[in-house]
Each structure stands twice: as C-alpha cells, then as structure tokens.
Amino acid sequence: MNYIIGAFKPPCDIFVTFSDERCRKQVAVKKDNGKTAMVPAFQSLETIAGEVSIAPVPGKRIEHMGVKIELLGQIELYFDRGNFYDFTSLVRELDVPGEIYERKTYPFEFSTVEMPYESYNGTNVRLRYILKVTIGRNYVGNIVECRDFCVRNYSPLPSINNSIKMEVGIEDCLHIEFEYSKSKYHLKDVIVGKIYFLLVRIKIKNMELEIRRRESTGSGPNTYVETETLAKFELMDGAPVRGESIPVRLFLTPYELTPTYRNINNKFSVKYYLNLVLVDEEDRRYFKQQEINMFRLDEIPQPS
C-alpha cells in the first residue's frame, strides 16, 4: 500500500521564494482547505522578484519540456467554482527542455506589475494573485506548484468629503434627523455623528447603528447579493424625548473591513452601509440605510 501511495508523489519539490520576503509585511489569507496562511503583501506597480528552486527526489531525474513561471490575477465565483477568470497573466520562461538531476535554482522578475484590484475573499467570490510554476512533461502530467501573495492598494485622503444629512420619519408619529461628519472613511477611521429627535409619538425602546457589507456577484438573472452585518453598536437604551440629541462615535478598527469595490472586472462589487435601527415597545423595527465609501489609507513600509 505504501508503494501505491508513493507512486503518485511528485518526483520533485518546488519552492517559490520572494527576494524581500523576510522584511516585507505579511497578511493572513484563507486557503482552499479553509486554513489561514501568512503571505507577503504588495502594491500595484511594484516589482515582484525571487527564486524558484526545484529539488528532485534523491535518485530520480526529471525529464521536462521546459519550466515556466506565471504571475496570475484570478477571480473565482463560488457558484462557478473551479473556473478562474484571469485578468492579469504574465509569463517568464525559466528553462528550455532538458533534464534535472539535482537541485536547481532559477531567478525570476516581473517588473512594475500593474495589479489594479485588491485581493479579496468574500462570501461568493475570491480575487487572488498567485505565482504558478509549471514543469512541462510529455507523457505524464505536468508538475505544478502555486504560491499566493496579497495585493493591497492605497488611496490619499479625499479632497472632498461631504457630510451626510438626512431627515426620516413616519407621518405624525416620528421625525428624526441624522448627521454623519463625512461620507468617505478609511479602514481605521471613526464614524462621528449625531441623531436629533424632532418628533416622538411612538414609544422607542432602543436604537442601534449597524455596519453592513453588501457583496454582489454575477450579472443579470445570475446576480447573487449577500448582505452581512459586520457590527452592531447600541446608541440608546430607553425612550427619547422631543429635542433630544444622541451622539454617534463608532471606531472601525476592530472590524474586518475592505475598501469599497465597484464592478471589479465586471464580476463583483462590494459596498458598505450604515443602517440605523429603531425598535419600539411592540418590537416593531424601523430602518434607515445610508451608503458610505471605504478606502485604504495605510501604507506598507517598503523594504530597505
């Protein structure tokens, strides 16, 4: 039995390393098996370089039709699992056809790679970047090894960031006005605002603020929309009175947020909303939702 298992083991080990891996920031990504792994983070237009090492099993040689490495940006929709849509595809040939008898190392470099989209692992879609090494073989299957990395792109502070003001209510029963200091937030920002009660003729039991993420995948009749509540923050417990003002101060750092993504490669979008929820004494719920724009402000320290 051990012999049969060994027959399917690849005749070599393939290692992909980045040239600045030790000093580059690492981030967590979820793998196909559900486990989390730490991978290096890059920005668009950075150079991605390193080495590929191929180590044959002792006593074996590898006949091949060439060795190549690809840098791929892929989108996978989970309702179409197994089919990858490549939006970035770069290839470097590492070796011509021949044989490998002992460990062999190949340098590689992809200069100033345009990676316009961030890595994303959502409910129904995954966007990822990989380095894929392929050892081509004639009569048996190719030997393939993949190495993930992450892309995070950063934005400056917006020159215009208008506040959000809105009045909502139920005729002759409830009239409130809410105000948030701005409409665009970076991932470690603080949501600051106020809620004014102009008319209160129903008995409010409590009020809370939610952060919701809405992920849309596909198009037309095949559009899938998934809404997830990421945070709930209680603003008030008890009945408000007319003229009362409730402050809002919600820190975003504890929550796993991403930037807003709009129509990424015509495959998916991710939007964020502030959802104000009021509950009366009969447990009836009243909602008011407002979209906000999220962006990534932090900068990855560049390796020295």
C-alpha atoms as a PDB file:
ATOM      1  CA  MET A   1       0.000   0.000   0.000  1.00  0.00           C
ATOM      2  CA  ASN A   2       2.832   2.389   0.807  1.00  0.00           C
ATOM      3  CA  TYR A   3       4.275   1.710  -2.629  1.00  0.00           C
ATOM      4  CA  ILE A   4       0.994   2.692  -4.323  1.00  0.00           C
ATOM      5  CA  ILE A   5       0.787   5.968  -2.372  1.00  0.00           C
ATOM      6  CA  GLY A   6       4.400   6.756  -3.218  1.00  0.00           C
ATOM      7  CA  ALA A   7       3.714   6.216  -6.913  1.00  0.00           C
ATOM      8  CA  PHE A   8       1.571   9.339  -7.011  1.00  0.00           C
ATOM      9  CA  LYS A   9       4.028  11.548  -5.162  1.00  0.00           C
ATOM     10  CA  PRO A  10       5.633  14.229  -7.384  1.00  0.00           C
ATOM     11  CA  PRO A  11       9.240  13.378  -8.331  1.00  0.00           C
ATOM     12  CA  CYS A  12      10.442  16.715  -7.009  1.00  0.00           C
ATOM     13  CA  ASP A  13       9.744  19.542  -4.552  1.00  0.00           C
ATOM     14  CA  ILE A  14       9.223  23.082  -5.841  1.00  0.00           C
ATOM     15  CA  PHE A  15       9.909  26.114  -3.636  1.00  0.00           C
ATOM     16  CA  VAL A  16       8.974  29.691  -4.594  1.00  0.00           C
ATOM     17  CA  THR A  17      10.553  32.469  -2.541  1.00  0.00           C
ATOM     18  CA  PHE A  18      10.343  36.259  -2.839  1.00  0.00           C
ATOM     19  CA  SER A  19      13.591  38.207  -2.804  1.00  0.00           C
ATOM     20  CA  ASP A  20      12.448  40.547   0.002  1.00  0.00           C
ATOM     21  CA  GLU A  21      10.182  38.114   1.823  1.00  0.00           C
ATOM     22  CA  ARG A  22      11.791  38.416   5.257  1.00  0.00           C
ATOM     23  CA  CYS A  23      11.366  42.173   5.507  1.00  0.00           C
ATOM     24  CA  ARG A  24       8.022  42.517   3.725  1.00  0.00           C
ATOM     25  CA  LYS A  25       4.732  42.868   5.573  1.00  0.00           C
ATOM     26  CA  GLN A  26       2.779  39.610   5.874  1.00  0.00           C
ATOM     27  CA  VAL A  27      -1.022  39.352   5.872  1.00  0.00           C
ATOM     28  CA  ALA A  28      -3.384  36.459   6.532  1.00  0.00           C
ATOM     29  CA  VAL A  29      -5.306  34.836   3.664  1.00  0.00           C
ATOM     30  CA  LYS A  30      -7.676  31.877   3.695  1.00  0.00           C
ATOM     31  CA  LYS A  31      -6.527  28.869   1.668  1.00  0.00           C
ATOM     32  CA  ASP A  32      -8.651  26.375  -0.294  1.00  0.00           C
ATOM     33  CA  ASN A  33      -8.635  23.977   2.673  1.00  0.00           C
ATOM     34  CA  GLY A  34     -10.113  26.655   4.951  1.00  0.00           C
ATOM     35  CA  LYS A  35      -6.884  27.208   6.868  1.00  0.00           C
ATOM     36  CA  THR A  36      -5.215  30.601   7.180  1.00  0.00           C
ATOM     37  CA  ALA A  37      -1.708  31.270   5.871  1.00  0.00           C
ATOM     38  CA  MET A  38       0.547  34.312   6.045  1.00  0.00           C
ATOM     39  CA  VAL A  39       1.603  35.686   2.654  1.00  0.00           C
ATOM     40  CA  PRO A  40       3.614  38.774   1.590  1.00  0.00           C
ATOM     41  CA  ALA A  41       1.718  41.935   0.625  1.00  0.00           C
ATOM     42  CA  PHE A  42       2.441  44.048  -2.457  1.00  0.00           C
ATOM     43  CA  GLN A  43       1.044  47.158  -4.114  1.00  0.00           C
ATOM     44  CA  SER A  44       0.274  47.749  -7.768  1.00  0.00           C
ATOM     45  CA  LEU A  45       3.294  48.695  -9.928  1.00  0.00           C
ATOM     46  CA  GLU A  46       5.781  47.003  -7.591  1.00  0.00           C
ATOM     47  CA  THR A  47       8.404  44.616  -8.934  1.00  0.00           C
ATOM     48  CA  ILE A  48       7.884  41.012  -7.888  1.00  0.00           C
ATOM     49  CA  ALA A  49      11.102  39.025  -7.920  1.00  0.00           C
ATOM     50  CA  GLY A  50      12.576  35.961  -6.296  1.00  0.00           C
ATOM     51  CA  GLU A  51      13.737  32.427  -6.941  1.00  0.00           C
ATOM     52  CA  VAL A  52      12.259  29.078  -7.906  1.00  0.00           C
ATOM     53  CA  SER A  53      14.084  26.007  -6.587  1.00  0.00           C
ATOM     54  CA  ILE A  54      13.398  22.539  -7.964  1.00  0.00           C
ATOM     55  CA  ALA A  55      14.707  19.659  -5.862  1.00  0.00           C
ATOM     56  CA  PRO A  56      14.326  16.158  -7.405  1.00  0.00           C
ATOM     57  CA  VAL A  57      13.676  13.236  -5.100  1.00  0.00           C
ATOM     58  CA  PRO A  58      17.081  11.628  -4.355  1.00  0.00           C
ATOM     59  CA  GLY A  59      17.949   9.075  -7.013  1.00  0.00           C
ATOM     60  CA  LYS A  60      15.457  10.430  -9.566  1.00  0.00           C
ATOM     61  CA  ARG A  61      15.824  12.698 -12.596  1.00  0.00           C
ATOM     62  CA  ILE A  62      13.164  14.820 -14.226  1.00  0.00           C
ATOM     63  CA  GLU A  63      12.813  14.929 -17.991  1.00  0.00           C
ATOM     64  CA  HIS A  64      10.887  18.051 -18.944  1.00  0.00           C
ATOM     65  CA  MET A  65       9.726  20.107 -21.906  1.00  0.00           C
ATOM     66  CA  GLY A  66      10.549  23.400 -20.212  1.00  0.00           C
ATOM     67  CA  VAL A  67       9.975  25.249 -16.944  1.00  0.00           C
ATOM     68  CA  LYS A  68       7.947  28.467 -16.679  1.00  0.00           C
ATOM     69  CA  ILE A  69       6.548  30.752 -14.012  1.00  0.00           C
ATOM     70  CA  GLU A  70       3.319  32.740 -14.402  1.00  0.00           C
ATOM     71  CA  LEU A  71       2.015  35.685 -12.403  1.00  0.00           C
ATOM     72  CA  LEU A  72      -1.771  35.389 -12.431  1.00  0.00           C
ATOM     73  CA  GLY A  73      -4.554  37.597 -11.131  1.00  0.00           C
ATOM     74  CA  GLN A  74      -7.711  35.485 -10.886  1.00  0.00           C
ATOM     75  CA  ILE A  75     -11.374  35.875  -9.959  1.00  0.00           C
ATOM     76  CA  GLU A  76     -13.328  32.802  -8.875  1.00  0.00           C
ATOM     77  CA  LEU A  77     -17.100  32.947  -8.419  1.00  0.00           C
ATOM     78  CA  TYR A  78     -18.218  30.274  -5.983  1.00  0.00           C
ATOM     79  CA  PHE A  79     -21.368  29.387  -7.958  1.00  0.00           C
ATOM     80  CA  ASP A  80     -18.959  28.645 -10.831  1.00  0.00           C
ATOM     81  CA  ARG A  81     -16.314  27.019  -8.635  1.00  0.00           C
ATOM     82  CA  GLY A  82     -13.256  25.718 -10.427  1.00  0.00           C
ATOM     83  CA  ASN A  83     -13.458  28.227 -13.278  1.00  0.00           C
ATOM     84  CA  PHE A  84     -10.964  31.082 -12.912  1.00  0.00           C
ATOM     85  CA  TYR A  85     -11.194  34.361 -14.805  1.00  0.00           C
ATOM     86  CA  ASP A  86      -7.676  35.666 -15.399  1.00  0.00           C
ATOM     87  CA  PHE A  87      -7.461  39.463 -15.540  1.00  0.00           C
ATOM     88  CA  THR A  88      -3.647  39.513 -15.260  1.00  0.00           C
ATOM     89  CA  SER A  89      -1.366  36.930 -16.901  1.00  0.00           C
ATOM     90  CA  LEU A  90       2.416  37.314 -17.240  1.00  0.00           C
ATOM     91  CA  VAL A  91       4.852  34.525 -18.136  1.00  0.00           C
ATOM     92  CA  ARG A  92       8.602  34.045 -17.742  1.00  0.00           C
ATOM     93  CA  GLU A  93      10.357  31.020 -19.271  1.00  0.00           C
ATOM     94  CA  LEU A  94      12.851  29.648 -16.749  1.00  0.00           C
ATOM     95  CA  ASP A  95      14.395  26.688 -18.585  1.00  0.00           C
ATOM     96  CA  VAL A  96      14.484  25.052 -22.005  1.00  0.00           C
ATOM     97  CA  PRO A  97      13.634  21.343 -22.432  1.00  0.00           C
ATOM     98  CA  GLY A  98      16.125  19.059 -20.739  1.00  0.00           C
ATOM     99  CA  GLU A  99      16.727  17.057 -17.576  1.00  0.00           C
ATOM    100  CA  ILE A 100      17.166  17.973 -13.905  1.00  0.00           C
ATOM    101  CA  TYR A 101      19.370  15.639 -11.860  1.00  0.00           C
ATOM    102  CA  GLU A 102      19.925  17.741  -8.749  1.00  0.00           C
ATOM    103  CA  ARG A 103      18.541  20.823  -7.051  1.00  0.00           C
ATOM    104  CA  LYS A 104      18.368  23.730  -9.484  1.00  0.00           C
ATOM    105  CA  THR A 105      17.520  27.368  -8.752  1.00  0.00           C
ATOM    106  CA  TYR A 106      16.092  29.901 -11.212  1.00  0.00           C
ATOM    107  CA  PRO A 107      15.778  33.653 -10.542  1.00  0.00           C
ATOM    108  CA  PHE A 108      12.641  35.424 -11.808  1.00  0.00           C
ATOM    109  CA  GLU A 109      11.431  39.013 -12.025  1.00  0.00           C
ATOM    110  CA  PHE A 110       8.184  40.718 -13.035  1.00  0.00           C
ATOM    111  CA  SER A 111       8.912  44.449 -13.240  1.00  0.00           C
ATOM    112  CA  THR A 112       6.393  47.135 -12.185  1.00  0.00           C
ATOM    113  CA  VAL A 113       3.402  44.833 -12.410  1.00  0.00           C
ATOM    114  CA  GLU A 114       0.028  46.522 -12.817  1.00  0.00           C
ATOM    115  CA  MET A 115      -2.273  44.941 -10.211  1.00  0.00           C
ATOM    116  CA  PRO A 116      -5.319  47.237 -10.198  1.00  0.00           C
ATOM    117  CA  TYR A 117      -7.567  45.155  -7.944  1.00  0.00           C
ATOM    118  CA  GLU A 118      -7.072  44.229  -4.302  1.00  0.00           C
ATOM    119  CA  SER A 119      -7.031  40.645  -3.067  1.00  0.00           C
ATOM    120  CA  TYR A 120     -10.470  39.751  -1.702  1.00  0.00           C
ATOM    121  CA  ASN A 121     -12.009  36.657  -0.130  1.00  0.00           C
ATOM    122  CA  GLY A 122     -15.725  37.098   0.253  1.00  0.00           C
ATOM    123  CA  THR A 123     -18.875  35.050   0.672  1.00  0.00           C
ATOM    124  CA  ASN A 124     -19.403  34.200  -3.001  1.00  0.00           C
ATOM    125  CA  VAL A 125     -16.245  35.418  -4.731  1.00  0.00           C
ATOM    126  CA  ARG A 126     -12.478  35.319  -4.381  1.00  0.00           C
ATOM    127  CA  LEU A 127      -9.906  37.531  -6.071  1.00  0.00           C
ATOM    128  CA  ARG A 128      -6.353  36.297  -5.680  1.00  0.00           C
ATOM    129  CA  TYR A 129      -2.847  36.644  -7.057  1.00  0.00           C
ATOM    130  CA  ILE A 130      -0.528  33.663  -7.451  1.00  0.00           C
ATOM    131  CA  LEU A 131       2.847  32.684  -8.824  1.00  0.00           C
ATOM    132  CA  LYS A 132       2.368  29.425 -10.726  1.00  0.00           C
ATOM    133  CA  VAL A 133       5.377  27.246 -11.607  1.00  0.00           C
ATOM    134  CA  THR A 134       4.858  24.590 -14.296  1.00  0.00           C
ATOM    135  CA  ILE A 135       7.303  21.846 -15.253  1.00  0.00           C
ATOM    136  CA  GLY A 136       6.070  20.628 -18.653  1.00  0.00           C
ATOM    137  CA  ARG A 137       6.277  16.899 -19.341  1.00  0.00           C
ATOM    138  CA  ASN A 138       5.475  14.835 -22.423  1.00  0.00           C
ATOM    139  CA  TYR A 139       3.900  11.557 -21.438  1.00  0.00           C
ATOM    140  CA  VAL A 140       2.839  12.221 -17.870  1.00  0.00           C
ATOM    141  CA  GLY A 141       1.070  15.127 -16.236  1.00  0.00           C
ATOM    142  CA  ASN A 142       2.788  18.477 -15.733  1.00  0.00           C
ATOM    143  CA  ILE A 143       4.145  19.270 -12.294  1.00  0.00           C
ATOM    144  CA  VAL A 144       2.563  22.465 -10.929  1.00  0.00           C
ATOM    145  CA  GLU A 145       3.199  24.487  -7.778  1.00  0.00           C
ATOM    146  CA  CYS A 146       1.403  27.722  -6.778  1.00  0.00           C
ATOM    147  CA  ARG A 147       2.404  30.408  -4.285  1.00  0.00           C
ATOM    148  CA  ASP A 148      -0.141  33.005  -3.139  1.00  0.00           C
ATOM    149  CA  PHE A 149       0.600  36.637  -2.407  1.00  0.00           C
ATOM    150  CA  CYS A 150      -1.629  39.547  -1.463  1.00  0.00           C
ATOM    151  CA  VAL A 151      -2.233  42.917  -3.125  1.00  0.00           C
ATOM    152  CA  ARG A 152      -3.350  45.961  -1.167  1.00  0.00           C
ATOM    153  CA  ASN A 153      -3.723  49.337  -2.840  1.00  0.00           C
ATOM    154  CA  TYR A 154      -3.820  52.653  -1.024  1.00  0.00           C
ATOM    155  CA  SER A 155      -5.593  55.962  -1.543  1.00  0.00           C
ATOM    156  CA  PRO A 156      -4.811  59.505  -0.390  1.00  0.00           C
ATOM    157  CA  LEU A 157      -7.275  61.394   1.762  1.00  0.00           C
ATOM    158  CA  PRO A 158     -10.105  62.622  -0.475  1.00  0.00           C
ATOM    159  CA  SER A 159     -10.010  66.335  -1.284  1.00  0.00           C
ATOM    160  CA  ILE A 160     -13.812  66.486  -0.941  1.00  0.00           C
ATOM    161  CA  ASN A 161     -15.568  64.545   1.799  1.00  0.00           C
ATOM    162  CA  ASN A 162     -19.080  65.838   2.296  1.00  0.00           C
ATOM    163  CA  SER A 163     -21.097  65.193   5.423  1.00  0.00           C
ATOM    164  CA  ILE A 164     -24.284  63.139   5.333  1.00  0.00           C
ATOM    165  CA  LYS A 165     -27.512  64.801   6.473  1.00  0.00           C
ATOM    166  CA  MET A 166     -30.965  63.297   6.166  1.00  0.00           C
ATOM    167  CA  GLU A 167     -34.414  63.573   7.697  1.00  0.00           C
ATOM    168  CA  VAL A 168     -36.598  60.488   8.056  1.00  0.00           C
ATOM    169  CA  GLY A 169     -39.779  59.626   9.842  1.00  0.00           C
ATOM    170  CA  ILE A 170     -43.327  58.331   9.955  1.00  0.00           C
ATOM    171  CA  GLU A 171     -46.038  60.896   9.353  1.00  0.00           C
ATOM    172  CA  ASP A 172     -47.335  62.398  12.621  1.00  0.00           C
ATOM    173  CA  CYS A 173     -45.518  59.679  14.638  1.00  0.00           C
ATOM    174  CA  LEU A 174     -41.766  60.034  14.356  1.00  0.00           C
ATOM    175  CA  HIS A 175     -39.407  62.561  12.818  1.00  0.00           C
ATOM    176  CA  ILE A 176     -35.645  62.306  13.231  1.00  0.00           C
ATOM    177  CA  GLU A 177     -32.661  63.921  11.609  1.00  0.00           C
ATOM    178  CA  PHE A 178     -29.291  62.208  11.475  1.00  0.00           C
ATOM    179  CA  GLU A 179     -25.936  63.615  10.521  1.00  0.00           C
ATOM    180  CA  TYR A 180     -22.552  61.947   9.934  1.00  0.00           C
ATOM    181  CA  SER A 181     -19.443  64.121   9.692  1.00  0.00           C
ATOM    182  CA  LYS A 182     -18.357  62.622   6.348  1.00  0.00           C
ATOM    183  CA  SER A 183     -19.284  60.076   3.694  1.00  0.00           C
ATOM    184  CA  LYS A 184     -15.841  58.547   2.997  1.00  0.00           C
ATOM    185  CA  TYR A 185     -13.913  56.616   5.650  1.00  0.00           C
ATOM    186  CA  HIS A 186     -10.587  54.826   5.745  1.00  0.00           C
ATOM    187  CA  LEU A 187     -10.445  51.372   7.337  1.00  0.00           C
ATOM    188  CA  LYS A 188      -9.172  52.641  10.711  1.00  0.00           C
ATOM    189  CA  ASP A 189     -11.376  55.716  10.854  1.00  0.00           C
ATOM    190  CA  VAL A 190     -14.031  56.772  13.377  1.00  0.00           C
ATOM    191  CA  ILE A 191     -17.659  57.403  12.442  1.00  0.00           C
ATOM    192  CA  VAL A 192     -18.784  60.561  14.221  1.00  0.00           C
ATOM    193  CA  GLY A 193     -22.296  61.964  14.056  1.00  0.00           C
ATOM    194  CA  LYS A 194     -25.487  62.989  15.839  1.00  0.00           C
ATOM    195  CA  ILE A 195     -29.126  61.965  15.758  1.00  0.00           C
ATOM    196  CA  TYR A 196     -31.818  64.555  16.565  1.00  0.00           C
ATOM    197  CA  PHE A 197     -35.372  63.684  17.601  1.00  0.00           C
ATOM    198  CA  LEU A 198     -37.712  66.333  16.195  1.00  0.00           C
ATOM    199  CA  LEU A 199     -40.973  64.463  16.830  1.00  0.00           C
ATOM    200  CA  VAL A 200     -41.562  61.389  19.016  1.00  0.00           C
ATOM    201  CA  ARG A 201     -45.097  59.992  19.316  1.00  0.00           C
ATOM    202  CA  ILE A 202     -44.233  56.320  19.428  1.00  0.00           C
ATOM    203  CA  LYS A 203     -42.510  54.567  22.319  1.00  0.00           C
ATOM    204  CA  ILE A 204     -38.945  53.804  21.225  1.00  0.00           C
ATOM    205  CA  LYS A 205     -37.273  51.016  23.235  1.00  0.00           C
ATOM    206  CA  ASN A 206     -33.761  51.212  21.830  1.00  0.00           C
ATOM    207  CA  MET A 207     -31.711  52.331  18.866  1.00  0.00           C
ATOM    208  CA  GLU A 208     -28.559  50.878  17.286  1.00  0.00           C
ATOM    209  CA  LEU A 209     -26.231  51.513  14.383  1.00  0.00           C
ATOM    210  CA  GLU A 210     -25.096  48.660  12.118  1.00  0.00           C
ATOM    211  CA  ILE A 211     -22.320  48.401   9.557  1.00  0.00           C
ATOM    212  CA  ARG A 212     -23.434  46.227   6.675  1.00  0.00           C
ATOM    213  CA  ARG A 213     -21.443  44.841   3.760  1.00  0.00           C
ATOM    214  CA  ARG A 214     -23.276  44.023   0.538  1.00  0.00           C
ATOM    215  CA  GLU A 215     -21.497  41.757  -1.923  1.00  0.00           C
ATOM    216  CA  SER A 216     -22.935  41.440  -5.443  1.00  0.00           C
ATOM    217  CA  THR A 217     -21.628  38.814  -7.863  1.00  0.00           C
ATOM    218  CA  GLY A 218     -22.565  37.861 -11.404  1.00  0.00           C
ATOM    219  CA  SER A 219     -24.905  39.842 -13.649  1.00  0.00           C
ATOM    220  CA  GLY A 220     -28.470  39.871 -14.915  1.00  0.00           C
ATOM    221  CA  PRO A 221     -30.595  36.921 -13.744  1.00  0.00           C
ATOM    222  CA  ASN A 222     -27.441  35.289 -12.338  1.00  0.00           C
ATOM    223  CA  THR A 223     -26.777  38.102  -9.863  1.00  0.00           C
ATOM    224  CA  TYR A 224     -26.209  36.959  -6.281  1.00  0.00           C
ATOM    225  CA  VAL A 225     -26.440  39.502  -3.466  1.00  0.00           C
ATOM    226  CA  GLU A 226     -25.196  38.683   0.022  1.00  0.00           C
ATOM    227  CA  THR A 227     -25.635  41.167   2.885  1.00  0.00           C
ATOM    228  CA  GLU A 228     -23.626  40.690   6.073  1.00  0.00           C
ATOM    229  CA  THR A 229     -23.900  42.664   9.314  1.00  0.00           C
ATOM    230  CA  LEU A 230     -20.341  43.281  10.490  1.00  0.00           C
ATOM    231  CA  ALA A 231     -21.015  45.439  13.541  1.00  0.00           C
ATOM    232  CA  LYS A 232     -23.838  46.449  15.893  1.00  0.00           C
ATOM    233  CA  PHE A 233     -23.434  49.475  18.122  1.00  0.00           C
ATOM    234  CA  GLU A 234     -26.108  50.465  20.639  1.00  0.00           C
ATOM    235  CA  LEU A 235     -26.755  54.197  20.530  1.00  0.00           C
ATOM    236  CA  MET A 236     -29.593  54.460  23.013  1.00  0.00           C
ATOM    237  CA  ASP A 237     -31.495  52.332  25.518  1.00  0.00           C
ATOM    238  CA  GLY A 238     -34.804  53.842  26.585  1.00  0.00           C
ATOM    239  CA  ALA A 239     -37.370  56.250  25.204  1.00  0.00           C
ATOM    240  CA  PRO A 240     -36.111  59.526  23.682  1.00  0.00           C
ATOM    241  CA  VAL A 241     -37.969  62.809  24.002  1.00  0.00           C
ATOM    242  CA  ARG A 242     -38.546  65.570  21.508  1.00  0.00           C
ATOM    243  CA  GLY A 243     -35.482  67.773  21.110  1.00  0.00           C
ATOM    244  CA  GLU A 244     -33.060  65.119  22.371  1.00  0.00           C
ATOM    245  CA  SER A 245     -29.727  64.644  20.607  1.00  0.00           C
ATOM    246  CA  ILE A 246     -27.843  61.312  20.607  1.00  0.00           C
ATOM    247  CA  PRO A 247     -24.105  61.353  19.764  1.00  0.00           C
ATOM    248  CA  VAL A 248     -22.561  58.726  17.466  1.00  0.00           C
ATOM    249  CA  ARG A 249     -18.934  57.613  17.789  1.00  0.00           C
ATOM    250  CA  LEU A 250     -18.053  54.264  16.247  1.00  0.00           C
ATOM    251  CA  PHE A 251     -14.439  53.088  15.815  1.00  0.00           C
ATOM    252  CA  LEU A 252     -13.862  50.980  12.685  1.00  0.00           C
ATOM    253  CA  THR A 253     -10.519  49.404  13.665  1.00  0.00           C
ATOM    254  CA  PRO A 254     -11.981  46.268  15.394  1.00  0.00           C
ATOM    255  CA  TYR A 255     -13.904  45.168  12.284  1.00  0.00           C
ATOM    256  CA  GLU A 256     -12.668  43.256   9.231  1.00  0.00           C
ATOM    257  CA  LEU A 257     -13.430  45.809   6.552  1.00  0.00           C
ATOM    258  CA  THR A 258     -12.209  46.167   2.990  1.00  0.00           C
ATOM    259  CA  PRO A 259     -12.325  49.142   0.647  1.00  0.00           C
ATOM    260  CA  THR A 260     -15.451  49.662  -1.435  1.00  0.00           C
ATOM    261  CA  TYR A 261     -15.156  47.762  -4.733  1.00  0.00           C
ATOM    262  CA  ARG A 262     -17.278  48.855  -7.676  1.00  0.00           C
ATOM    263  CA  ASN A 263     -17.828  46.491 -10.598  1.00  0.00           C
ATOM    264  CA  ILE A 264     -14.458  44.743 -10.390  1.00  0.00           C
ATOM    265  CA  ASN A 265     -13.707  43.352 -13.859  1.00  0.00           C
ATOM    266  CA  ASN A 266     -17.488  43.165 -14.433  1.00  0.00           C
ATOM    267  CA  LYS A 267     -17.620  40.289 -11.921  1.00  0.00           C
ATOM    268  CA  PHE A 268     -18.448  41.671  -8.468  1.00  0.00           C
ATOM    269  CA  SER A 269     -18.981  44.719  -6.257  1.00  0.00           C
ATOM    270  CA  VAL A 270     -18.656  45.293  -2.511  1.00  0.00           C
ATOM    271  CA  LYS A 271     -20.460  48.206  -0.847  1.00  0.00           C
ATOM    272  CA  TYR A 272     -20.836  49.355   2.758  1.00  0.00           C
ATOM    273  CA  TYR A 273     -23.837  50.866   4.510  1.00  0.00           C
ATOM    274  CA  LEU A 274     -24.647  52.478   7.840  1.00  0.00           C
ATOM    275  CA  ASN A 275     -28.002  51.089   8.951  1.00  0.00           C
ATOM    276  CA  LEU A 276     -29.880  52.942  11.685  1.00  0.00           C
ATOM    277  CA  VAL A 277     -32.336  50.670  13.526  1.00  0.00           C
ATOM    278  CA  LEU A 278     -35.068  51.814  15.936  1.00  0.00           C
ATOM    279  CA  VAL A 279     -37.160  49.312  17.903  1.00  0.00           C
ATOM    280  CA  ASP A 280     -40.434  50.272  19.612  1.00  0.00           C
ATOM    281  CA  GLU A 281     -42.026  48.654  22.652  1.00  0.00           C
ATOM    282  CA  GLU A 282     -44.031  46.314  20.421  1.00  0.00           C
ATOM    283  CA  ASP A 283     -40.745  45.142  18.810  1.00  0.00           C
ATOM    284  CA  ARG A 284     -41.517  46.778  15.509  1.00  0.00           C
ATOM    285  CA  ARG A 285     -38.296  47.777  13.749  1.00  0.00           C
ATOM    286  CA  TYR A 286     -37.677  50.912  11.720  1.00  0.00           C
ATOM    287  CA  PHE A 287     -34.666  51.169   9.405  1.00  0.00           C
ATOM    288  CA  LYS A 288     -32.788  53.880   7.557  1.00  0.00           C
ATOM    289  CA  GLN A 289     -29.803  52.938   5.472  1.00  0.00           C
ATOM    290  CA  GLN A 290     -27.053  55.150   4.039  1.00  0.00           C
ATOM    291  CA  GLU A 291     -24.167  54.061   1.797  1.00  0.00           C
ATOM    292  CA  ILE A 292     -20.633  55.081   2.777  1.00  0.00           C
ATOM    293  CA  ASN A 293     -17.394  54.790   0.820  1.00  0.00           C
ATOM    294  CA  MET A 294     -14.466  52.867   2.323  1.00  0.00           C
ATOM    295  CA  PHE A 295     -10.815  53.212   1.270  1.00  0.00           C
ATOM    296  CA  ARG A 296      -7.413  52.005   2.465  1.00  0.00           C
ATOM    297  CA  LEU A 297      -5.209  54.827   3.779  1.00  0.00           C
ATOM    298  CA  ASP A 298      -2.319  52.983   5.450  1.00  0.00           C
ATOM    299  CA  GLU A 299       0.952  52.470   3.661  1.00  0.00           C
ATOM    300  CA  ILE A 300       3.024  49.294   3.622  1.00  0.00           C
ATOM    301  CA  PRO A 301       6.578  50.056   4.770  1.00  0.00           C
ATOM    302  CA  GLN A 302       8.899  49.480   1.840  1.00  0.00           C
ATOM    303  CA  PRO A 303      11.790  47.065   2.357  1.00  0.00           C
ATOM    304  CA  SER A 304      15.154  48.715   2.899  1.00  0.00           C
END
